[in-house]
């Protein structure tokens, strides 16, 4: 039986002071970190605890981070291989590169 947290999108919080987007589910925190340089966001790490794996948490984090870049007219450098793969699978984000 699925719980509500597994069925719905996780709540993603932007923490600019920590330069990351994060979500906490069942006491476990996943995040995507970035560095900001001028008008560019360098997404360097996507971290999802093993206990949250396979639930789409990493994809939800990356989607929120890329949507943020779109909303703020930023370019993106995907240093993280997960972010790079996500952009390849979702052409609507190609313009961020």
PDB file of N, CA and C in Angstrom:
ATOM      1  N   UNK A   1       0.838  -1.183   0.000  1.00  0.00           N
ATOM      2  CA  UNK A   1       0.000   0.000   0.000  1.00  0.00           C
ATOM      3  C   UNK A   1       0.881   1.245   0.000  1.00  0.00           C
ATOM      4  N   UNK A   2       0.594   2.181  -0.873  1.00  0.00           N
ATOM      5  CA  UNK A   2       1.396   3.398  -0.991  1.00  0.00           C
ATOM      6  C   UNK A   2       0.951   4.437   0.017  1.00  0.00           C
ATOM      7  N   UNK A   3       1.904   5.211   0.480  1.00  0.00           N
ATOM      8  CA  UNK A   3       1.563   6.320   1.365  1.00  0.00           C
ATOM      9  C   UNK A   3       1.399   7.569   0.531  1.00  0.00           C
ATOM     10  N   UNK A   4       0.798   8.589   1.101  1.00  0.00           N
ATOM     11  CA  UNK A   4       0.566   9.834   0.375  1.00  0.00           C
ATOM     12  C   UNK A   4       1.882  10.460  -0.080  1.00  0.00           C
ATOM     13  N   UNK A   5       2.929  10.373   0.748  1.00  0.00           N
ATOM     14  CA  UNK A   5       4.203  11.003   0.381  1.00  0.00           C
ATOM     15  C   UNK A   5       4.835  10.340  -0.837  1.00  0.00           C
ATOM     16  N   UNK A   6       4.531   9.063  -1.067  1.00  0.00           N
ATOM     17  CA  UNK A   6       5.080   8.384  -2.235  1.00  0.00           C
ATOM     18  C   UNK A   6       4.309   8.737  -3.503  1.00  0.00           C
ATOM     19  N   UNK A   7       3.031   9.081  -3.363  1.00  0.00           N
ATOM     20  CA  UNK A   7       2.196   9.332  -4.520  1.00  0.00           C
ATOM     21  C   UNK A   7       2.317  10.755  -5.029  1.00  0.00           C
ATOM     22  N   UNK A   8       2.571  11.700  -4.163  1.00  0.00           N
ATOM     23  CA  UNK A   8       2.610  13.100  -4.575  1.00  0.00           C
ATOM     24  C   UNK A   8       4.044  13.569  -4.772  1.00  0.00           C
ATOM     25  N   UNK A   9       4.155  14.684  -5.508  1.00  0.00           N
ATOM     26  CA  UNK A   9       5.467  15.302  -5.693  1.00  0.00           C
ATOM     27  C   UNK A   9       6.019  15.735  -4.342  1.00  0.00           C
ATOM     28  N   UNK A  10       7.293  15.527  -4.110  1.00  0.00           N
ATOM     29  CA  UNK A  10       7.859  16.015  -2.850  1.00  0.00           C
ATOM     30  C   UNK A  10       7.880  17.546  -2.827  1.00  0.00           C
ATOM     31  N   UNK A  11       7.795  18.102  -1.645  1.00  0.00           N
ATOM     32  CA  UNK A  11       7.898  19.547  -1.487  1.00  0.00           C
ATOM     33  C   UNK A  11       9.373  19.926  -1.544  1.00  0.00           C
ATOM     34  N   UNK A  12       9.720  20.777  -2.493  1.00  0.00           N
ATOM     35  CA  UNK A  12      11.113  21.197  -2.684  1.00  0.00           C
ATOM     36  C   UNK A  12      11.264  22.616  -2.124  1.00  0.00           C
ATOM     37  N   UNK A  13      12.262  22.808  -1.292  1.00  0.00           N
ATOM     38  CA  UNK A  13      12.541  24.113  -0.698  1.00  0.00           C
ATOM     39  C   UNK A  13      13.848  24.654  -1.253  1.00  0.00           C
ATOM     40  N   UNK A  14      13.839  25.907  -1.693  1.00  0.00           N
ATOM     41  CA  UNK A  14      15.075  26.559  -2.142  1.00  0.00           C
ATOM     42  C   UNK A  14      15.719  27.198  -0.927  1.00  0.00           C
ATOM     43  N   UNK A  15      16.965  26.859  -0.683  1.00  0.00           N
ATOM     44  CA  UNK A  15      17.729  27.438   0.421  1.00  0.00           C
ATOM     45  C   UNK A  15      18.927  28.177  -0.165  1.00  0.00           C
ATOM     46  N   UNK A  16      18.721  29.443  -0.594  1.00  0.00           N
ATOM     47  CA  UNK A  16      19.813  30.181  -1.234  1.00  0.00           C
ATOM     48  C   UNK A  16      21.041  30.352  -0.345  1.00  0.00           C
ATOM     49  N   UNK A  17      20.837  30.448   0.963  1.00  0.00           N
ATOM     50  CA  UNK A  17      21.987  30.609   1.869  1.00  0.00           C
ATOM     51  C   UNK A  17      22.891  29.375   1.866  1.00  0.00           C
ATOM     52  N   UNK A  18      22.327  28.215   1.519  1.00  0.00           N
ATOM     53  CA  UNK A  18      23.098  26.975   1.430  1.00  0.00           C
ATOM     54  C   UNK A  18      23.392  26.602  -0.017  1.00  0.00           C
ATOM     55  N   UNK A  19      22.898  27.401  -0.949  1.00  0.00           N
ATOM     56  CA  UNK A  19      23.035  27.159  -2.387  1.00  0.00           C
ATOM     57  C   UNK A  19      22.568  25.750  -2.758  1.00  0.00           C
ATOM     58  N   UNK A  20      21.312  25.479  -2.382  1.00  0.00           N
ATOM     59  CA  UNK A  20      20.753  24.186  -2.760  1.00  0.00           C
ATOM     60  C   UNK A  20      19.231  24.193  -2.692  1.00  0.00           C
ATOM     61  N   UNK A  21      18.649  23.217  -3.399  1.00  0.00           N
ATOM     62  CA  UNK A  21      17.235  22.912  -3.337  1.00  0.00           C
ATOM     63  C   UNK A  21      17.155  21.583  -2.602  1.00  0.00           C
ATOM     64  N   UNK A  22      16.219  21.463  -1.669  1.00  0.00           N
ATOM     65  CA  UNK A  22      16.181  20.230  -0.882  1.00  0.00           C
ATOM     66  C   UNK A  22      14.752  19.793  -0.578  1.00  0.00           C
ATOM     67  N   UNK A  23      14.643  18.529  -0.204  1.00  0.00           N
ATOM     68  CA  UNK A  23      13.389  17.965   0.270  1.00  0.00           C
ATOM     69  C   UNK A  23      13.711  16.973   1.374  1.00  0.00           C
ATOM     70  N   UNK A  24      12.841  16.899   2.358  1.00  0.00           N
ATOM     71  CA  UNK A  24      13.012  15.937   3.440  1.00  0.00           C
ATOM     72  C   UNK A  24      11.774  15.052   3.491  1.00  0.00           C
ATOM     73  N   UNK A  25      12.011  13.751   3.405  1.00  0.00           N
ATOM     74  CA  UNK A  25      10.944  12.753   3.436  1.00  0.00           C
ATOM     75  C   UNK A  25      11.326  11.710   4.474  1.00  0.00           C
ATOM     76  N   UNK A  26      10.409  11.459   5.404  1.00  0.00           N
ATOM     77  CA  UNK A  26      10.661  10.469   6.467  1.00  0.00           C
ATOM     78  C   UNK A  26      11.998  10.704   7.159  1.00  0.00           C
ATOM     79  N   UNK A  27      12.332  11.966   7.391  1.00  0.00           N
ATOM     80  CA  UNK A  27      13.561  12.312   8.108  1.00  0.00           C
ATOM     81  C   UNK A  27      14.829  12.250   7.276  1.00  0.00           C
ATOM     82  N   UNK A  28      14.711  11.926   5.997  1.00  0.00           N
ATOM     83  CA  UNK A  28      15.869  11.830   5.100  1.00  0.00           C
ATOM     84  C   UNK A  28      15.841  13.011   4.131  1.00  0.00           C
ATOM     85  N   UNK A  29      16.983  13.688   3.961  1.00  0.00           N
ATOM     86  CA  UNK A  29      17.043  14.860   3.095  1.00  0.00           C
ATOM     87  C   UNK A  29      17.819  14.563   1.817  1.00  0.00           C
ATOM     88  N   UNK A  30      17.196  14.911   0.701  1.00  0.00           N
ATOM     89  CA  UNK A  30      17.853  14.857  -0.600  1.00  0.00           C
ATOM     90  C   UNK A  30      18.008  16.284  -1.093  1.00  0.00           C
ATOM     91  N   UNK A  31      19.032  16.526  -1.908  1.00  0.00           N
ATOM     92  CA  UNK A  31      19.240  17.897  -2.378  1.00  0.00           C
ATOM     93  C   UNK A  31      20.009  17.944  -3.687  1.00  0.00           C
ATOM     94  N   UNK A  32      19.905  19.093  -4.340  1.00  0.00           N
ATOM     95  CA  UNK A  32      20.757  19.428  -5.477  1.00  0.00           C
ATOM     96  C   UNK A  32      21.452  20.730  -5.101  1.00  0.00           C
ATOM     97  N   UNK A  33      22.767  20.727  -5.197  1.00  0.00           N
ATOM     98  CA  UNK A  33      23.537  21.915  -4.825  1.00  0.00           C
ATOM     99  C   UNK A  33      24.014  22.642  -6.075  1.00  0.00           C
ATOM    100  N   UNK A  34      24.303  23.921  -5.890  1.00  0.00           N
ATOM    101  CA  UNK A  34      24.738  24.731  -7.017  1.00  0.00           C
ATOM    102  C   UNK A  34      25.713  25.809  -6.580  1.00  0.00           C
ATOM    103  N   UNK A  35      26.385  26.362  -7.572  1.00  0.00           N
ATOM    104  CA  UNK A  35      27.213  27.557  -7.407  1.00  0.00           C
ATOM    105  C   UNK A  35      26.652  28.584  -8.381  1.00  0.00           C
ATOM    106  N   UNK A  36      26.612  29.824  -7.965  1.00  0.00           N
ATOM    107  CA  UNK A  36      26.099  30.871  -8.836  1.00  0.00           C
ATOM    108  C   UNK A  36      27.251  31.763  -9.265  1.00  0.00           C
ATOM    109  N   UNK A  37      27.365  31.943 -10.575  1.00  0.00           N
ATOM    110  CA  UNK A  37      28.395  32.827 -11.137  1.00  0.00           C
ATOM    111  C   UNK A  37      27.722  33.715 -12.163  1.00  0.00           C
ATOM    112  N   UNK A  38      27.651  35.000 -11.848  1.00  0.00           N
ATOM    113  CA  UNK A  38      26.982  35.963 -12.718  1.00  0.00           C
ATOM    114  C   UNK A  38      25.562  35.484 -13.036  1.00  0.00           C
ATOM    115  N   UNK A  39      25.299  35.213 -14.309  1.00  0.00           N
ATOM    116  CA  UNK A  39      23.961  34.813 -14.730  1.00  0.00           C
ATOM    117  C   UNK A  39      23.869  33.301 -14.970  1.00  0.00           C
ATOM    118  N   UNK A  40      24.764  32.547 -14.307  1.00  0.00           N
ATOM    119  CA  UNK A  40      24.847  31.109 -14.532  1.00  0.00           C
ATOM    120  C   UNK A  40      24.751  30.345 -13.221  1.00  0.00           C
ATOM    121  N   UNK A  41      23.996  29.257 -13.263  1.00  0.00           N
ATOM    122  CA  UNK A  41      23.911  28.335 -12.127  1.00  0.00           C
ATOM    123  C   UNK A  41      24.642  27.058 -12.505  1.00  0.00           C
ATOM    124  N   UNK A  42      25.614  26.696 -11.703  1.00  0.00           N
ATOM    125  CA  UNK A  42      26.382  25.469 -11.928  1.00  0.00           C
ATOM    126  C   UNK A  42      25.831  24.419 -10.974  1.00  0.00           C
ATOM    127  N   UNK A  43      25.062  23.470 -11.518  1.00  0.00           N
ATOM    128  CA  UNK A  43      24.502  22.405 -10.700  1.00  0.00           C
ATOM    129  C   UNK A  43      25.551  21.307 -10.587  1.00  0.00           C
ATOM    130  N   UNK A  44      26.082  21.132  -9.362  1.00  0.00           N
ATOM    131  CA  UNK A  44      27.254  20.269  -9.210  1.00  0.00           C
ATOM    132  C   UNK A  44      27.000  18.925  -8.528  1.00  0.00           C
ATOM    133  N   UNK A  45      25.962  18.808  -7.707  1.00  0.00           N
ATOM    134  CA  UNK A  45      25.705  17.531  -7.031  1.00  0.00           C
ATOM    135  C   UNK A  45      24.211  17.332  -6.818  1.00  0.00           C
ATOM    136  N   UNK A  46      23.738  16.144  -7.109  1.00  0.00           N
ATOM    137  CA  UNK A  46      22.384  15.736  -6.745  1.00  0.00           C
ATOM    138  C   UNK A  46      22.550  14.558  -5.799  1.00  0.00           C
ATOM    139  N   UNK A  47      22.086  14.727  -4.565  1.00  0.00           N
ATOM    140  CA  UNK A  47      22.260  13.706  -3.534  1.00  0.00           C
ATOM    141  C   UNK A  47      20.887  13.240  -3.058  1.00  0.00           C
ATOM    142  N   UNK A  48      20.622  11.945  -3.180  1.00  0.00           N
ATOM    143  CA  UNK A  48      19.382  11.357  -2.701  1.00  0.00           C
ATOM    144  C   UNK A  48      19.762  10.144  -1.852  1.00  0.00           C
ATOM    145  N   UNK A  49      19.358  10.151  -0.576  1.00  0.00           N
ATOM    146  CA  UNK A  49      19.663   8.985   0.263  1.00  0.00           C
ATOM    147  C   UNK A  49      19.120   7.699  -0.351  1.00  0.00           C
ATOM    148  N   UNK A  50      19.832   6.618  -0.151  1.00  0.00           N
ATOM    149  CA  UNK A  50      19.450   5.331  -0.727  1.00  0.00           C
ATOM    150  C   UNK A  50      18.016   4.954  -0.341  1.00  0.00           C
ATOM    151  N   UNK A  51      17.610   5.294   0.871  1.00  0.00           N
ATOM    152  CA  UNK A  51      16.257   4.945   1.331  1.00  0.00           C
ATOM    153  C   UNK A  51      15.162   5.656   0.536  1.00  0.00           C
ATOM    154  N   UNK A  52      15.521   6.738  -0.173  1.00  0.00           N
ATOM    155  CA  UNK A  52      14.551   7.474  -0.986  1.00  0.00           C
ATOM    156  C   UNK A  52      14.692   7.168  -2.476  1.00  0.00           C
ATOM    157  N   UNK A  53      15.635   6.325  -2.812  1.00  0.00           N
ATOM    158  CA  UNK A  53      15.895   5.994  -4.209  1.00  0.00           C
ATOM    159  C   UNK A  53      14.704   5.339  -4.884  1.00  0.00           C
ATOM    160  N   UNK A  54      14.570   5.564  -6.178  1.00  0.00           N
ATOM    161  CA  UNK A  54      13.518   4.945  -6.961  1.00  0.00           C
ATOM    162  C   UNK A  54      12.150   5.591  -6.842  1.00  0.00           C
ATOM    163  N   UNK A  55      12.073   6.711  -6.155  1.00  0.00           N
ATOM    164  CA  UNK A  55      10.787   7.396  -5.961  1.00  0.00           C
ATOM    165  C   UNK A  55      10.657   8.664  -6.800  1.00  0.00           C
ATOM    166  N   UNK A  56      11.662   8.950  -7.599  1.00  0.00           N
ATOM    167  CA  UNK A  56      11.599  10.158  -8.416  1.00  0.00           C
ATOM    168  C   UNK A  56      12.029  11.419  -7.684  1.00  0.00           C
ATOM    169  N   UNK A  57      12.650  11.256  -6.528  1.00  0.00           N
ATOM    170  CA  UNK A  57      13.071  12.408  -5.730  1.00  0.00           C
ATOM    171  C   UNK A  57      14.147  13.205  -6.464  1.00  0.00           C
ATOM    172  N   UNK A  58      15.136  12.519  -7.014  1.00  0.00           N
ATOM    173  CA  UNK A  58      16.204  13.208  -7.741  1.00  0.00           C
ATOM    174  C   UNK A  58      15.657  13.981  -8.932  1.00  0.00           C
ATOM    175  N   UNK A  59      14.764  13.365  -9.677  1.00  0.00           N
ATOM    176  CA  UNK A  59      14.165  14.043 -10.828  1.00  0.00           C
ATOM    177  C   UNK A  59      13.358  15.263 -10.400  1.00  0.00           C
ATOM    178  N   UNK A  60      12.619  15.148  -9.303  1.00  0.00           N
ATOM    179  CA  UNK A  60      11.832  16.285  -8.807  1.00  0.00           C
ATOM    180  C   UNK A  60      12.747  17.430  -8.385  1.00  0.00           C
ATOM    181  N   UNK A  61      13.863  17.108  -7.754  1.00  0.00           N
ATOM    182  CA  UNK A  61      14.830  18.134  -7.356  1.00  0.00           C
ATOM    183  C   UNK A  61      15.408  18.845  -8.572  1.00  0.00           C
ATOM    184  N   UNK A  62      15.818  18.069  -9.565  1.00  0.00           N
ATOM    185  CA  UNK A  62      16.412  18.646 -10.771  1.00  0.00           C
ATOM    186  C   UNK A  62      15.380  19.488 -11.522  1.00  0.00           C
ATOM    187  N   UNK A  63      14.166  18.989 -11.645  1.00  0.00           N
ATOM    188  CA  UNK A  63      13.119  19.744 -12.337  1.00  0.00           C
ATOM    189  C   UNK A  63      12.906  21.097 -11.657  1.00  0.00           C
ATOM    190  N   UNK A  64      12.824  21.114 -10.342  1.00  0.00           N
ATOM    191  CA  UNK A  64      12.609  22.375  -9.619  1.00  0.00           C
ATOM    192  C   UNK A  64      13.790  23.319  -9.830  1.00  0.00           C
ATOM    193  N   UNK A  65      15.006  22.785  -9.780  1.00  0.00           N
ATOM    194  CA  UNK A  65      16.200  23.614  -9.975  1.00  0.00           C
ATOM    195  C   UNK A  65      16.242  24.197 -11.382  1.00  0.00           C
ATOM    196  N   UNK A  66      15.874  23.411 -12.382  1.00  0.00           N
ATOM    197  CA  UNK A  66      15.868  23.901 -13.762  1.00  0.00           C
ATOM    198  C   UNK A  66      14.734  24.894 -13.993  1.00  0.00           C
ATOM    199  N   UNK A  67      13.587  24.641 -13.378  1.00  0.00           N
ATOM    200  CA  UNK A  67      12.482  25.605 -13.474  1.00  0.00           C
ATOM    201  C   UNK A  67      12.885  26.939 -12.852  1.00  0.00           C
ATOM    202  N   UNK A  68      13.616  26.890 -11.752  1.00  0.00           N
ATOM    203  CA  UNK A  68      14.122  28.103 -11.106  1.00  0.00           C
ATOM    204  C   UNK A  68      15.016  28.877 -12.073  1.00  0.00           C
ATOM    205  N   UNK A  69      15.892  28.166 -12.770  1.00  0.00           N
ATOM    206  CA  UNK A  69      16.781  28.812 -13.740  1.00  0.00           C
ATOM    207  C   UNK A  69      15.956  29.495 -14.835  1.00  0.00           C
ATOM    208  N   UNK A  70      14.939  28.802 -15.335  1.00  0.00           N
ATOM    209  CA  UNK A  70      14.050  29.398 -16.346  1.00  0.00           C
ATOM    210  C   UNK A  70      13.377  30.659 -15.812  1.00  0.00           C
ATOM    211  N   UNK A  71      12.816  30.560 -14.611  1.00  0.00           N
ATOM    212  CA  UNK A  71      12.076  31.674 -14.007  1.00  0.00           C
ATOM    213  C   UNK A  71      12.939  32.915 -13.809  1.00  0.00           C
ATOM    214  N   UNK A  72      14.236  32.708 -13.616  1.00  0.00           N
ATOM    215  CA  UNK A  72      15.148  33.817 -13.320  1.00  0.00           C
ATOM    216  C   UNK A  72      16.118  34.120 -14.460  1.00  0.00           C
ATOM    217  N   UNK A  73      15.819  33.625 -15.666  1.00  0.00           N
ATOM    218  CA  UNK A  73      16.650  33.865 -16.854  1.00  0.00           C
ATOM    219  C   UNK A  73      18.123  33.566 -16.617  1.00  0.00           C
ATOM    220  N   UNK A  74      18.387  32.428 -16.015  1.00  0.00           N
ATOM    221  CA  UNK A  74      19.759  31.994 -15.761  1.00  0.00           C
ATOM    222  C   UNK A  74      20.143  30.914 -16.770  1.00  0.00           C
ATOM    223  N   UNK A  75      21.409  30.829 -17.072  1.00  0.00           N
ATOM    224  CA  UNK A  75      21.945  29.721 -17.839  1.00  0.00           C
ATOM    225  C   UNK A  75      22.391  28.649 -16.851  1.00  0.00           C
ATOM    226  N   UNK A  76      22.567  27.433 -17.341  1.00  0.00           N
ATOM    227  CA  UNK A  76      22.915  26.303 -16.480  1.00  0.00           C
ATOM    228  C   UNK A  76      24.146  25.586 -17.027  1.00  0.00           C
ATOM    229  N   UNK A  77      25.034  25.232 -16.118  1.00  0.00           N
ATOM    230  CA  UNK A  77      26.149  24.331 -16.435  1.00  0.00           C
ATOM    231  C   UNK A  77      25.911  23.072 -15.592  1.00  0.00           C
ATOM    232  N   UNK A  78      25.577  21.955 -16.249  1.00  0.00           N
ATOM    233  CA  UNK A  78      25.289  20.726 -15.512  1.00  0.00           C
ATOM    234  C   UNK A  78      26.554  19.911 -15.238  1.00  0.00           C
ATOM    235  N   UNK A  79      27.258  20.227 -14.157  1.00  0.00           N
ATOM    236  CA  UNK A  79      28.450  19.450 -13.798  1.00  0.00           C
ATOM    237  C   UNK A  79      28.069  18.079 -13.255  1.00  0.00           C
ATOM    238  N   UNK A  80      26.879  17.977 -12.718  1.00  0.00           N
ATOM    239  CA  UNK A  80      26.376  16.711 -12.189  1.00  0.00           C
ATOM    240  C   UNK A  80      25.842  15.870 -13.348  1.00  0.00           C
ATOM    241  N   UNK A  81      26.260  14.620 -13.433  1.00  0.00           N
ATOM    242  CA  UNK A  81      25.840  13.755 -14.542  1.00  0.00           C
ATOM    243  C   UNK A  81      24.335  13.499 -14.518  1.00  0.00           C
ATOM    244  N   UNK A  82      23.718  13.491 -13.342  1.00  0.00           N
ATOM    245  CA  UNK A  82      22.273  13.280 -13.247  1.00  0.00           C
ATOM    246  C   UNK A  82      21.529  14.449 -13.877  1.00  0.00           C
ATOM    247  N   UNK A  83      21.999  15.668 -13.625  1.00  0.00           N
ATOM    248  CA  UNK A  83      21.383  16.866 -14.214  1.00  0.00           C
ATOM    249  C   UNK A  83      21.555  16.842 -15.730  1.00  0.00           C
ATOM    250  N   UNK A  84      22.742  16.497 -16.181  1.00  0.00           N
ATOM    251  CA  UNK A  84      23.017  16.433 -17.614  1.00  0.00           C
ATOM    252  C   UNK A  84      22.095  15.421 -18.298  1.00  0.00           C
ATOM    253  N   UNK A  85      21.943  14.253 -17.707  1.00  0.00           N
ATOM    254  CA  UNK A  85      21.073  13.214 -18.275  1.00  0.00           C
ATOM    255  C   UNK A  85      19.614  13.669 -18.281  1.00  0.00           C
ATOM    256  N   UNK A  86      19.197  14.373 -17.231  1.00  0.00           N
ATOM    257  CA  UNK A  86      17.817  14.864 -17.156  1.00  0.00           C
ATOM    258  C   UNK A  86      17.551  15.846 -18.289  1.00  0.00           C
ATOM    259  N   UNK A  87      18.480  16.753 -18.535  1.00  0.00           N
ATOM    260  CA  UNK A  87      18.309  17.737 -19.609  1.00  0.00           C
ATOM    261  C   UNK A  87      18.240  17.045 -20.969  1.00  0.00           C
ATOM    262  N   UNK A  88      19.050  16.013 -21.167  1.00  0.00           N
ATOM    263  CA  UNK A  88      19.007  15.277 -22.436  1.00  0.00           C
ATOM    264  C   UNK A  88      17.650  14.616 -22.653  1.00  0.00           C
ATOM    265  N   UNK A  89      17.022  14.145 -21.580  1.00  0.00           N
ATOM    266  CA  UNK A  89      15.721  13.479 -21.677  1.00  0.00           C
ATOM    267  C   UNK A  89      14.552  14.465 -21.756  1.00  0.00           C
ATOM    268  N   UNK A  90      14.789  15.725 -21.392  1.00  0.00           N
ATOM    269  CA  UNK A  90      13.725  16.726 -21.350  1.00  0.00           C
ATOM    270  C   UNK A  90      14.152  17.947 -22.171  1.00  0.00           C
ATOM    271  N   UNK A  91      13.884  17.911 -23.487  1.00  0.00           N
ATOM    272  CA  UNK A  91      14.365  18.955 -24.390  1.00  0.00           C
ATOM    273  C   UNK A  91      13.860  20.364 -24.053  1.00  0.00           C
ATOM    274  N   UNK A  92      12.801  20.473 -23.270  1.00  0.00           N
ATOM    275  CA  UNK A  92      12.305  21.800 -22.896  1.00  0.00           C
ATOM    276  C   UNK A  92      13.310  22.582 -22.040  1.00  0.00           C
ATOM    277  N   UNK A  93      14.375  21.909 -21.583  1.00  0.00           N
ATOM    278  CA  UNK A  93      15.411  22.585 -20.794  1.00  0.00           C
ATOM    279  C   UNK A  93      16.684  22.862 -21.588  1.00  0.00           C
ATOM    280  N   UNK A  94      16.738  22.451 -22.859  1.00  0.00           N
ATOM    281  CA  UNK A  94      17.940  22.640 -23.672  1.00  0.00           C
ATOM    282  C   UNK A  94      18.361  24.105 -23.774  1.00  0.00           C
ATOM    283  N   UNK A  95      17.387  25.013 -23.763  1.00  0.00           N
ATOM    284  CA  UNK A  95      17.714  26.432 -23.903  1.00  0.00           C
ATOM    285  C   UNK A  95      18.488  26.998 -22.720  1.00  0.00           C
ATOM    286  N   UNK A  96      18.561  26.247 -21.628  1.00  0.00           N
ATOM    287  CA  UNK A  96      19.307  26.701 -20.449  1.00  0.00           C
ATOM    288  C   UNK A  96      20.814  26.525 -20.609  1.00  0.00           C
ATOM    289  N   UNK A  97      21.200  25.675 -21.539  1.00  0.00           N
ATOM    290  CA  UNK A  97      22.633  25.369 -21.713  1.00  0.00           C
ATOM    291  C   UNK A  97      23.373  26.488 -22.420  1.00  0.00           C
TER     292      UNK A  97
END
